[in-house]
């Protein structure tokens, strides 16, 4: 982790227009308007927050891991990073970060990946993909945009530590976050945020103990 990216915010939670808690293992959907600031707080530390962003007026435009990585030549996000869409537009800019490193490569856990990685008995376990699919099917914002499982690209894993090995593989390692750490973004267009507050119990991304997160939005 490069500590030069650590940057605190002057925004006061008391002035936020949205201040909500997403319970451990649950999903959360909200619109963030252009110019608003959006903060994710890791309340208890080492919680992985799987996150997707969509153009609030056209869900066919969404966060692109490929564009975000290639345009900045970095696989980790922190202060100064831009989140690009699949159409090459900047969706959000990271303007504050007290964690220092966020994963773009690890993807979301699913019933299938849990089974392959950890054993057949893990098939019924709740997963981030389950959270995403439930939100797409039932949340009014997602329904309004006509979204379905086809609209699930690769996601960001805020606060998650996924080192890239010398051989080019990925490791799911102990987190680098701590209680109260946060990442803050300015919306450069109207976006819909889709979060799965990861329920993973099989690797250290959540310290084997999923915990709540706090979501705040300022005008």
Protein backbone atom coordinates (compact mmCIF):
# COMPACT_ATOMS: atom_id res chain seq x y z
CA UNK A 1 0.00 0.00 0.00
CA UNK A 2 1.26 3.45 -0.97
CA UNK A 3 0.50 5.84 1.88
CA UNK A 4 0.94 8.83 -0.43
CA UNK A 5 -2.61 8.20 -1.63
CA UNK A 6 -4.11 8.59 1.86
CA UNK A 7 -6.24 11.70 2.02
CA UNK A 8 -8.89 12.71 4.54
CA UNK A 9 -12.11 14.63 3.90
CA UNK A 10 -13.48 17.80 5.48
CA UNK A 11 -17.11 16.77 4.96
CA UNK A 12 -19.21 16.43 8.13
CA UNK A 13 -21.61 13.45 8.30
CA UNK A 14 -24.12 15.72 10.07
CA UNK A 15 -24.55 17.61 6.80
CA UNK A 16 -25.07 14.55 4.58
CA UNK A 17 -28.37 14.32 2.70
CA UNK A 18 -28.19 10.50 2.86
CA UNK A 19 -26.75 8.63 5.85
CA UNK A 20 -27.64 4.94 5.87
CA UNK A 21 -26.32 1.63 7.19
CA UNK A 22 -26.11 -1.42 4.96
CA UNK A 23 -26.22 -4.54 7.11
CA UNK A 24 -23.62 -7.28 6.82
CA UNK A 25 -24.19 -9.39 3.73
CA UNK A 26 -26.96 -7.23 2.26
CA UNK A 27 -27.38 -5.13 -0.91
CA UNK A 28 -27.88 -1.35 -1.29
CA UNK A 29 -28.98 0.76 -4.25
CA UNK A 30 -29.09 4.55 -4.53
CA UNK A 31 -28.74 7.33 -7.09
CA UNK A 32 -25.86 9.80 -6.71
CA UNK A 33 -26.33 12.94 -8.80
CA UNK A 34 -23.59 14.71 -10.74
CA UNK A 35 -21.57 16.89 -8.37
CA UNK A 36 -22.64 15.03 -5.23
CA UNK A 37 -20.08 13.30 -3.01
CA UNK A 38 -20.47 9.66 -2.03
CA UNK A 39 -18.65 8.02 0.90
CA UNK A 40 -18.39 4.34 1.90
CA UNK A 41 -17.30 3.75 5.50
CA UNK A 42 -15.84 0.43 6.69
CA UNK A 43 -17.38 0.60 10.17
CA UNK A 44 -15.65 -2.35 11.83
CA UNK A 45 -12.71 -2.96 9.50
CA UNK A 46 -11.77 -5.52 6.81
CA UNK A 47 -15.20 -5.61 5.20
CA UNK A 48 -15.22 -6.12 1.43
CA UNK A 49 -17.72 -3.88 -0.40
CA UNK A 50 -18.51 -5.13 -3.92
CA UNK A 51 -19.68 -2.12 -5.93
CA UNK A 52 -21.02 -1.34 -9.40
CA UNK A 53 -21.90 1.99 -11.01
CA UNK A 54 -24.33 2.71 -13.86
CA UNK A 55 -25.31 5.79 -15.82
CA UNK A 56 -28.58 6.74 -14.09
CA UNK A 57 -30.23 7.47 -17.47
CA UNK A 58 -28.83 4.59 -19.50
CA UNK A 59 -27.80 1.37 -17.78
CA UNK A 60 -26.00 0.24 -20.93
CA UNK A 61 -23.25 2.61 -19.80
CA UNK A 62 -21.66 1.20 -16.67
CA UNK A 63 -18.38 0.97 -14.75
CA UNK A 64 -15.66 -0.74 -16.76
CA UNK A 65 -12.75 -2.38 -14.99
CA UNK A 66 -10.93 -2.68 -18.32
CA UNK A 67 -11.15 1.04 -19.14
CA UNK A 68 -10.40 2.09 -15.56
CA UNK A 69 -7.25 -0.04 -15.37
CA UNK A 70 -5.91 0.55 -18.89
CA UNK A 71 -6.45 4.32 -18.96
CA UNK A 72 -4.55 4.79 -15.67
CA UNK A 73 -2.17 1.82 -15.87
CA UNK A 74 -3.07 0.81 -12.30
CA UNK A 75 -4.93 -2.16 -10.86
CA UNK A 76 -5.67 -0.53 -7.49
CA UNK A 77 -7.84 2.49 -6.77
CA UNK A 78 -7.19 5.33 -4.33
CA UNK A 79 -7.19 9.13 -4.13
CA UNK A 80 -6.93 10.63 -7.60
CA UNK A 81 -8.27 7.55 -9.41
CA UNK A 82 -10.98 7.97 -12.05
CA UNK A 83 -13.69 5.37 -12.53
CA UNK A 84 -14.35 5.02 -16.26
CA UNK A 85 -17.40 3.67 -18.05
CA UNK A 86 -17.47 1.21 -20.93
CA UNK A 87 -18.03 4.24 -23.19
CA UNK A 88 -14.83 5.90 -21.97
CA UNK A 89 -16.47 8.55 -19.81
CA UNK A 90 -15.40 9.38 -16.24
CA UNK A 91 -18.21 8.32 -13.93
CA UNK A 92 -16.66 9.18 -10.56
CA UNK A 93 -13.41 10.54 -9.15
CA UNK A 94 -11.89 9.30 -5.89
CA UNK A 95 -11.29 12.48 -3.88
CA UNK A 96 -10.53 11.10 -0.41
CA UNK A 97 -9.34 7.75 0.90
CA UNK A 98 -8.10 6.69 4.33
CA UNK A 99 -7.57 3.04 3.38
CA UNK A 100 -5.17 3.53 0.46
CA UNK A 101 -5.92 0.60 -1.83
CA UNK A 102 -9.03 -0.93 -3.41
CA UNK A 103 -9.26 -3.97 -5.67
CA UNK A 104 -10.40 -3.97 -9.31
CA UNK A 105 -9.63 -7.59 -10.21
CA UNK A 106 -11.08 -10.02 -7.64
CA UNK A 107 -14.68 -9.88 -8.86
CA UNK A 108 -17.76 -10.93 -6.91
CA UNK A 109 -18.24 -14.19 -5.05
CA UNK A 110 -20.96 -16.48 -6.39
CA UNK A 111 -22.37 -19.90 -5.66
CA UNK A 112 -20.27 -21.27 -8.50
CA UNK A 113 -16.97 -19.65 -7.46
CA UNK A 114 -17.51 -20.62 -3.82
CA UNK A 115 -18.02 -24.23 -4.92
CA UNK A 116 -14.94 -24.29 -7.14
CA UNK A 117 -12.68 -22.62 -4.58
CA UNK A 118 -13.95 -24.01 -1.29
CA UNK A 119 -15.95 -27.21 -1.83
CA UNK A 120 -19.28 -28.56 -3.04
CA UNK A 121 -20.89 -28.01 0.36
CA UNK A 122 -20.54 -24.22 -0.16
CA UNK A 123 -23.06 -24.16 -3.03
CA UNK A 124 -26.04 -22.92 -0.93
CA UNK A 125 -24.05 -20.10 0.70
CA UNK A 126 -25.24 -16.54 0.11
CA UNK A 127 -23.03 -14.57 -2.27
CA UNK A 128 -22.47 -11.12 -3.79
CA UNK A 129 -23.89 -12.29 -7.11
CA UNK A 130 -27.06 -13.30 -5.25
CA UNK A 131 -27.24 -9.79 -3.78
CA UNK A 132 -26.74 -8.17 -7.17
CA UNK A 133 -29.39 -10.36 -8.83
CA UNK A 134 -31.91 -9.72 -6.05
CA UNK A 135 -31.42 -5.96 -6.37
CA UNK A 136 -31.73 -6.06 -10.16
CA UNK A 137 -35.02 -7.97 -9.85
CA UNK A 138 -36.62 -6.01 -6.99
CA UNK A 139 -35.12 -2.54 -6.54
CA UNK A 140 -37.26 0.23 -8.16
CA UNK A 141 -34.23 2.07 -9.59
CA UNK A 142 -32.95 -1.08 -11.26
CA UNK A 143 -36.41 -1.97 -12.55
CA UNK A 144 -36.87 1.54 -13.94
CA UNK A 145 -33.67 1.12 -15.95
CA UNK A 146 -34.79 -2.29 -17.22
CA UNK A 147 -31.76 -4.05 -15.78
CA UNK A 148 -31.20 -7.81 -15.66
CA UNK A 149 -28.38 -10.24 -14.98
CA UNK A 150 -26.91 -9.27 -18.35
CA UNK A 151 -26.06 -5.93 -16.75
CA UNK A 152 -23.51 -7.31 -14.26
CA UNK A 153 -19.97 -6.37 -15.32
CA UNK A 154 -16.81 -6.85 -13.24
CA UNK A 155 -17.09 -4.89 -10.00
CA UNK A 156 -14.87 -2.91 -7.67
CA UNK A 157 -14.05 -4.42 -4.26
CA UNK A 158 -13.62 -1.47 -1.95
CA UNK A 159 -11.35 -2.18 1.06
CA UNK A 160 -10.46 -5.65 -0.27
CA UNK A 161 -6.81 -6.72 -0.50
CA UNK A 162 -6.11 -8.85 -3.60
CA UNK A 163 -2.35 -8.95 -4.31
CA UNK A 164 -1.16 -9.89 -7.79
CA UNK A 165 1.52 -12.56 -7.59
CA UNK A 166 4.73 -12.60 -9.65
CA UNK A 167 3.18 -15.39 -11.72
CA UNK A 168 0.20 -13.18 -12.53
CA UNK A 169 -2.27 -14.90 -10.20
CA UNK A 170 -4.48 -13.38 -7.53
CA UNK A 171 -4.46 -13.96 -3.78
CA UNK A 172 -7.23 -13.12 -1.34
CA UNK A 173 -5.23 -11.72 1.57
CA UNK A 174 -5.92 -10.15 4.95
CA UNK A 175 -7.47 -6.72 4.58
CA UNK A 176 -5.55 -3.45 4.84
CA UNK A 177 -8.54 -1.54 6.18
CA UNK A 178 -9.54 -0.81 9.79
CA UNK A 179 -12.60 0.45 11.70
CA UNK A 180 -13.74 3.83 10.40
CA UNK A 181 -11.67 3.82 7.20
CA UNK A 182 -13.49 5.30 4.21
CA UNK A 183 -13.32 6.07 0.52
CA UNK A 184 -15.02 9.13 -0.95
CA UNK A 185 -15.98 9.84 -4.57
CA UNK A 186 -17.37 12.78 -6.51
CA UNK A 187 -19.95 11.85 -9.14
CA UNK A 188 -19.02 13.20 -12.58
CA UNK A 189 -22.41 12.13 -13.99
CA UNK A 190 -25.70 10.96 -12.51
CA UNK A 191 -25.00 7.39 -11.38
CA UNK A 192 -26.85 4.51 -9.79
CA UNK A 193 -24.75 2.74 -7.15
CA UNK A 194 -25.29 -1.00 -6.65
CA UNK A 195 -23.53 -2.50 -3.63
CA UNK A 196 -23.23 -5.98 -2.21
CA UNK A 197 -21.85 -5.74 1.31
CA UNK A 198 -20.04 -9.03 0.86
CA UNK A 199 -21.25 -12.07 2.89
CA UNK A 200 -18.09 -14.11 2.17
CA UNK A 201 -17.06 -16.45 5.02
CA UNK A 202 -14.42 -18.57 3.27
CA UNK A 203 -11.47 -16.20 2.81
CA UNK A 204 -9.89 -13.31 4.76
CA UNK A 205 -11.48 -10.49 2.70
CA UNK A 206 -14.02 -9.95 5.53
CA UNK A 207 -11.82 -11.32 8.32
CA UNK A 208 -14.26 -14.29 8.17
CA UNK A 209 -16.87 -12.02 9.80
CA UNK A 210 -19.06 -9.81 7.54
CA UNK A 211 -19.92 -6.47 9.17
CA UNK A 212 -22.09 -3.40 8.38
CA UNK A 213 -21.01 -0.39 6.33
CA UNK A 214 -22.14 3.23 6.31
CA UNK A 215 -23.14 5.05 3.12
CA UNK A 216 -23.27 8.86 2.96
CA UNK A 217 -24.11 11.37 0.22
CA UNK A 218 -23.55 15.13 0.30
CA UNK A 219 -24.84 17.83 -2.06
